[in-house]
């Protein structure tokens, strides 16, 4: 059996603007593929497919020449709920 509790928290992130993204891509060749990655777990809560469809670009990881550059995504600034699940022995 387990206990479940919830705690609100404020998540703050700097979402990139179109200008920031353009500057970050300035040195990336036009034929470079782009990928995007979102955190598997945004500590303290995991992502829920279908519910977590609001993402913002926060950074760019450039790969080696000829490989994809990766946009890093995060949840927008806002208030979220952290669900704690604790297994308890009876």
Protein backbone atom coordinates (compact mmCIF):
# COMPACT_ATOMS: atom_id res chain seq x y z
CA UNK A 1 0.00 0.00 0.00
CA UNK A 2 1.18 3.55 -0.51
CA UNK A 3 0.59 7.12 0.48
CA UNK A 4 0.01 9.89 -2.00
CA UNK A 5 0.41 13.57 -1.23
CA UNK A 6 0.59 16.68 -3.38
CA UNK A 7 2.56 19.88 -3.07
CA UNK A 8 2.38 22.96 -5.29
CA UNK A 9 5.55 24.55 -6.63
CA UNK A 10 6.45 27.44 -8.92
CA UNK A 11 8.56 26.47 -11.94
CA UNK A 12 10.54 29.33 -13.52
CA UNK A 13 12.21 29.03 -16.92
CA UNK A 14 13.52 31.50 -19.50
CA UNK A 15 11.66 30.72 -22.72
CA UNK A 16 13.62 31.67 -25.81
CA UNK A 17 12.31 34.24 -28.24
CA UNK A 18 12.42 33.82 -32.03
CA UNK A 19 15.43 36.18 -32.05
CA UNK A 20 17.34 34.06 -29.53
CA UNK A 21 16.66 30.95 -31.60
CA UNK A 22 17.77 32.67 -34.82
CA UNK A 23 21.02 33.79 -33.18
CA UNK A 24 21.66 30.29 -31.81
CA UNK A 25 21.10 28.81 -35.28
CA UNK A 26 23.26 31.42 -37.05
CA UNK A 27 26.28 29.12 -37.37
CA UNK A 28 24.29 25.94 -38.04
CA UNK A 29 24.29 24.92 -41.74
CA UNK A 30 20.90 25.12 -43.49
CA UNK A 31 20.79 21.38 -44.19
CA UNK A 32 21.32 20.39 -40.54
CA UNK A 33 18.39 18.37 -39.20
CA UNK A 34 16.77 19.62 -35.99
CA UNK A 35 15.45 17.46 -33.19
CA UNK A 36 13.74 18.47 -29.98
CA UNK A 37 13.86 16.81 -26.59
CA UNK A 38 11.68 17.23 -23.56
CA UNK A 39 12.65 15.99 -20.14
CA UNK A 40 11.44 12.48 -19.32
CA UNK A 41 10.96 13.71 -15.79
CA UNK A 42 10.65 17.31 -14.85
CA UNK A 43 11.59 16.93 -11.25
CA UNK A 44 9.59 16.62 -9.25
CA UNK A 45 6.85 15.17 -11.49
CA UNK A 46 6.92 12.98 -14.60
CA UNK A 47 5.44 14.11 -17.91
CA UNK A 48 1.99 12.84 -18.83
CA UNK A 49 1.42 12.33 -22.57
CA UNK A 50 -1.69 14.14 -23.73
CA UNK A 51 -1.63 16.48 -20.75
CA UNK A 52 1.80 17.99 -21.18
CA UNK A 53 1.49 19.68 -24.54
CA UNK A 54 2.78 23.13 -23.57
CA UNK A 55 6.53 23.40 -24.08
CA UNK A 56 8.96 26.25 -24.62
CA UNK A 57 12.42 26.26 -26.21
CA UNK A 58 15.13 26.94 -23.63
CA UNK A 59 18.42 26.03 -25.33
CA UNK A 60 20.13 24.46 -28.34
CA UNK A 61 22.67 21.65 -28.28
CA UNK A 62 24.75 21.59 -31.44
CA UNK A 63 25.89 18.17 -32.56
CA UNK A 64 29.04 17.36 -34.49
CA UNK A 65 29.09 18.54 -38.14
CA UNK A 66 26.52 16.62 -40.18
CA UNK A 67 24.51 15.53 -37.16
CA UNK A 68 21.30 16.99 -35.79
CA UNK A 69 21.15 20.02 -33.56
CA UNK A 70 18.80 19.47 -30.62
CA UNK A 71 16.33 22.03 -29.26
CA UNK A 72 15.88 21.66 -25.50
CA UNK A 73 12.30 22.06 -24.32
CA UNK A 74 10.87 22.73 -20.87
CA UNK A 75 7.51 23.50 -19.30
CA UNK A 76 6.55 27.19 -19.32
CA UNK A 77 6.91 29.23 -16.17
CA UNK A 78 3.95 28.52 -13.96
CA UNK A 79 2.54 26.79 -10.93
CA UNK A 80 2.59 22.99 -11.00
CA UNK A 81 1.78 20.18 -8.61
CA UNK A 82 4.35 17.69 -7.37
CA UNK A 83 2.75 14.30 -6.63
CA UNK A 84 4.57 12.32 -3.95
CA UNK A 85 4.06 8.56 -3.96
CA UNK A 86 5.47 6.66 -1.03
CA UNK A 87 5.30 2.91 -0.58
CA UNK A 88 4.34 1.98 2.96
CA UNK A 89 4.63 -1.50 4.47
CA UNK A 90 1.58 -2.60 6.39
